[in-house]
C-alpha atoms as a PDB file:
ATOM      1  CA  MET A   1     169.934-103.312  26.166  1.00  0.00           C
ATOM      2  CA  LYS A   2     172.777-104.507  28.412  1.00  0.00           C
ATOM      3  CA  LYS A   3     170.310-106.235  30.735  1.00  0.00           C
ATOM      4  CA  ARG A   4     168.673-108.074  27.820  1.00  0.00           C
ATOM      5  CA  ILE A   5     172.062-109.195  26.538  1.00  0.00           C
ATOM      6  CA  ILE A   6     173.076-110.466  29.981  1.00  0.00           C
ATOM      7  CA  GLU A   7     169.832-112.452  30.174  1.00  0.00           C
ATOM      8  CA  GLN A   8     170.533-113.967  26.732  1.00  0.00           C
ATOM      9  CA  LEU A   9     174.085-114.851  27.779  1.00  0.00           C
ATOM     10  CA  GLU A  10     172.837-116.560  30.940  1.00  0.00           C
ATOM     11  CA  THR A  11     170.309-118.551  28.909  1.00  0.00           C
ATOM     12  CA  ASP A  12     172.984-119.666  26.440  1.00  0.00           C
ATOM     13  CA  GLU A  13     175.616-120.119  29.179  1.00  0.00           C
ATOM     14  CA  GLU A  14     178.022-117.734  27.422  1.00  0.00           C
ATOM     15  CA  ASP A  15     180.199-114.806  28.520  1.00  0.00           C
ATOM     16  CA  ALA A  16     180.756-111.410  26.926  1.00  0.00           C
ATOM     17  CA  ILE A  17     182.899-108.354  27.479  1.00  0.00           C
ATOM     18  CA  PHE A  18     181.324-104.973  28.197  1.00  0.00           C
ATOM     19  CA  TYR A  19     183.207-101.670  28.149  1.00  0.00           C
ATOM     20  CA  ASP A  20     182.630 -99.518  31.243  1.00  0.00           C
ATOM     21  CA  GLY A  21     180.824 -96.264  30.554  1.00  0.00           C
ATOM     22  CA  PHE A  22     179.496 -97.253  27.149  1.00  0.00           C
ATOM     23  CA  ASP A  23     176.240 -99.032  28.030  1.00  0.00           C
ATOM     24  CA  GLU A  24     174.241 -96.402  26.100  1.00  0.00           C
ATOM     25  CA  ALA A  25     176.208 -97.297  22.950  1.00  0.00           C
ATOM     26  CA  ILE A  26     175.286-101.000  22.940  1.00  0.00           C
ATOM     27  CA  ILE A  27     173.195-101.844  19.882  1.00  0.00           C
ATOM     28  CA  GLY A  28     173.206-105.627  19.935  1.00  0.00           C
ATOM     29  CA  LEU A  29     174.874-108.990  20.348  1.00  0.00           C
ATOM     30  CA  ASP A  30     176.468-111.150  17.645  1.00  0.00           C
ATOM     31  CA  LEU A  31     174.866-114.527  18.300  1.00  0.00           C
ATOM     32  CA  SER A  32     177.510-116.518  16.457  1.00  0.00           C
ATOM     33  CA  SER A  33     180.412-115.235  18.577  1.00  0.00           C
ATOM     34  CA  TYR A  34     178.568-113.739  21.575  1.00  0.00           C
ATOM     35  CA  ARG A  35     180.391-110.452  21.117  1.00  0.00           C
ATOM     36  CA  VAL A  36     178.672-107.236  22.187  1.00  0.00           C
ATOM     37  CA  ILE A  37     178.120-104.738  19.363  1.00  0.00           C
ATOM     38  CA  TYR A  38     178.633-101.023  20.011  1.00  0.00           C
ATOM     39  CA  SER A  39     177.665 -98.029  17.867  1.00  0.00           C
ATOM     40  CA  VAL A  40     180.731 -95.976  16.911  1.00  0.00           C
ATOM     41  CA  LYS A  41     178.605 -92.837  16.692  1.00  0.00           C
ATOM     42  CA  LYS A  42     177.196 -93.315  20.193  1.00  0.00           C
ATOM     43  CA  CYS A  43     180.644 -94.115  21.639  1.00  0.00           C
ATOM     44  CA  ILE A  44     182.009 -90.851  20.230  1.00  0.00           C
ATOM     45  CA  GLU A  45     179.015 -88.950  21.626  1.00  0.00           C
ATOM     46  CA  ILE A  46     179.693 -90.405  25.082  1.00  0.00           C
ATOM     47  CA  LEU A  47     183.376 -89.460  24.925  1.00  0.00           C
ATOM     48  CA  CYS A  48     182.467 -85.923  23.781  1.00  0.00           C
ATOM     49  CA  ARG A  49     180.859 -85.338  27.165  1.00  0.00           C
ATOM     50  CA  ASP A  50     184.373 -85.041  28.628  1.00  0.00           C
ATOM     51  CA  MET A  51     186.506 -83.928  25.655  1.00  0.00           C
ATOM     52  CA  ASN A  52     186.261 -82.259  22.267  1.00  0.00           C
ATOM     53  CA  GLU A  53     185.333 -84.320  19.217  1.00  0.00           C
ATOM     54  CA  GLU A  54     188.855 -84.544  17.794  1.00  0.00           C
ATOM     55  CA  ASP A  55     190.257 -85.828  21.097  1.00  0.00           C
ATOM     56  CA  ALA A  56     187.293 -88.182  21.486  1.00  0.00           C
ATOM     57  CA  ARG A  57     187.898 -89.725  18.060  1.00  0.00           C
ATOM     58  CA  GLU A  58     191.622 -90.096  18.691  1.00  0.00           C
ATOM     59  CA  HIS A  59     191.020 -91.686  22.092  1.00  0.00           C
ATOM     60  CA  PHE A  60     188.383 -94.012  20.652  1.00  0.00           C
ATOM     61  CA  GLU A  61     190.511 -95.161  17.718  1.00  0.00           C
ATOM     62  CA  PHE A  62     193.694 -95.680  19.709  1.00  0.00           C
ATOM     63  CA  ASN A  63     192.455 -96.907  23.102  1.00  0.00           C
ATOM     64  CA  ILE A  64     189.172 -98.620  22.365  1.00  0.00           C
ATOM     65  CA  ILE A  65     189.109 -99.924  18.808  1.00  0.00           C
ATOM     66  CA  GLY A  66     192.853-100.504  18.944  1.00  0.00           C
ATOM     67  CA  GLY A  67     192.598-102.621  22.076  1.00  0.00           C
ATOM     68  CA  TYR A  68     192.288-106.391  21.992  1.00  0.00           C
ATOM     69  CA  VAL A  69     190.885-108.072  25.095  1.00  0.00           C
ATOM     70  CA  GLY A  70     190.571-111.624  23.821  1.00  0.00           C
ATOM     71  CA  GLU A  71     188.276-113.586  21.559  1.00  0.00           C
ATOM     72  CA  LYS A  72     185.228-111.842  23.029  1.00  0.00           C
ATOM     73  CA  THR A  73     186.537-108.351  22.151  1.00  0.00           C
ATOM     74  CA  PRO A  74     183.419-106.303  21.299  1.00  0.00           C
ATOM     75  CA  ILE A  75     182.462-105.371  17.756  1.00  0.00           C
ATOM     76  CA  PHE A  76     182.041-101.749  16.665  1.00  0.00           C
ATOM     77  CA  CYS A  77     179.448-100.880  14.049  1.00  0.00           C
ATOM     78  CA  SER A  78     180.383 -97.887  11.895  1.00  0.00           C
ATOM     79  CA  ASP A  79     177.037 -96.094  11.800  1.00  0.00           C
ATOM     80  CA  GLU A  80     178.144 -92.518  11.166  1.00  0.00           C
ATOM     81  CA  TYR A  81     177.002 -92.337   7.541  1.00  0.00           C
END
């Protein structure tokens, strides 16, 4: 998915921000803002490889969702329902 998004960005001459270690959680690209879209569920699953679920959720909410890295800050899709 990341490779396809990079190809689209090159075609449209746009930039995007990718979070290291979360390539498996990418589910798409918002074409109006060129922001990468990540699955919350998949991000938590990736973090659970190195910590328990409670710590993973806390880390995700505070350090990832709570972080702002500019106008291209990625979007997180809540898909845990």
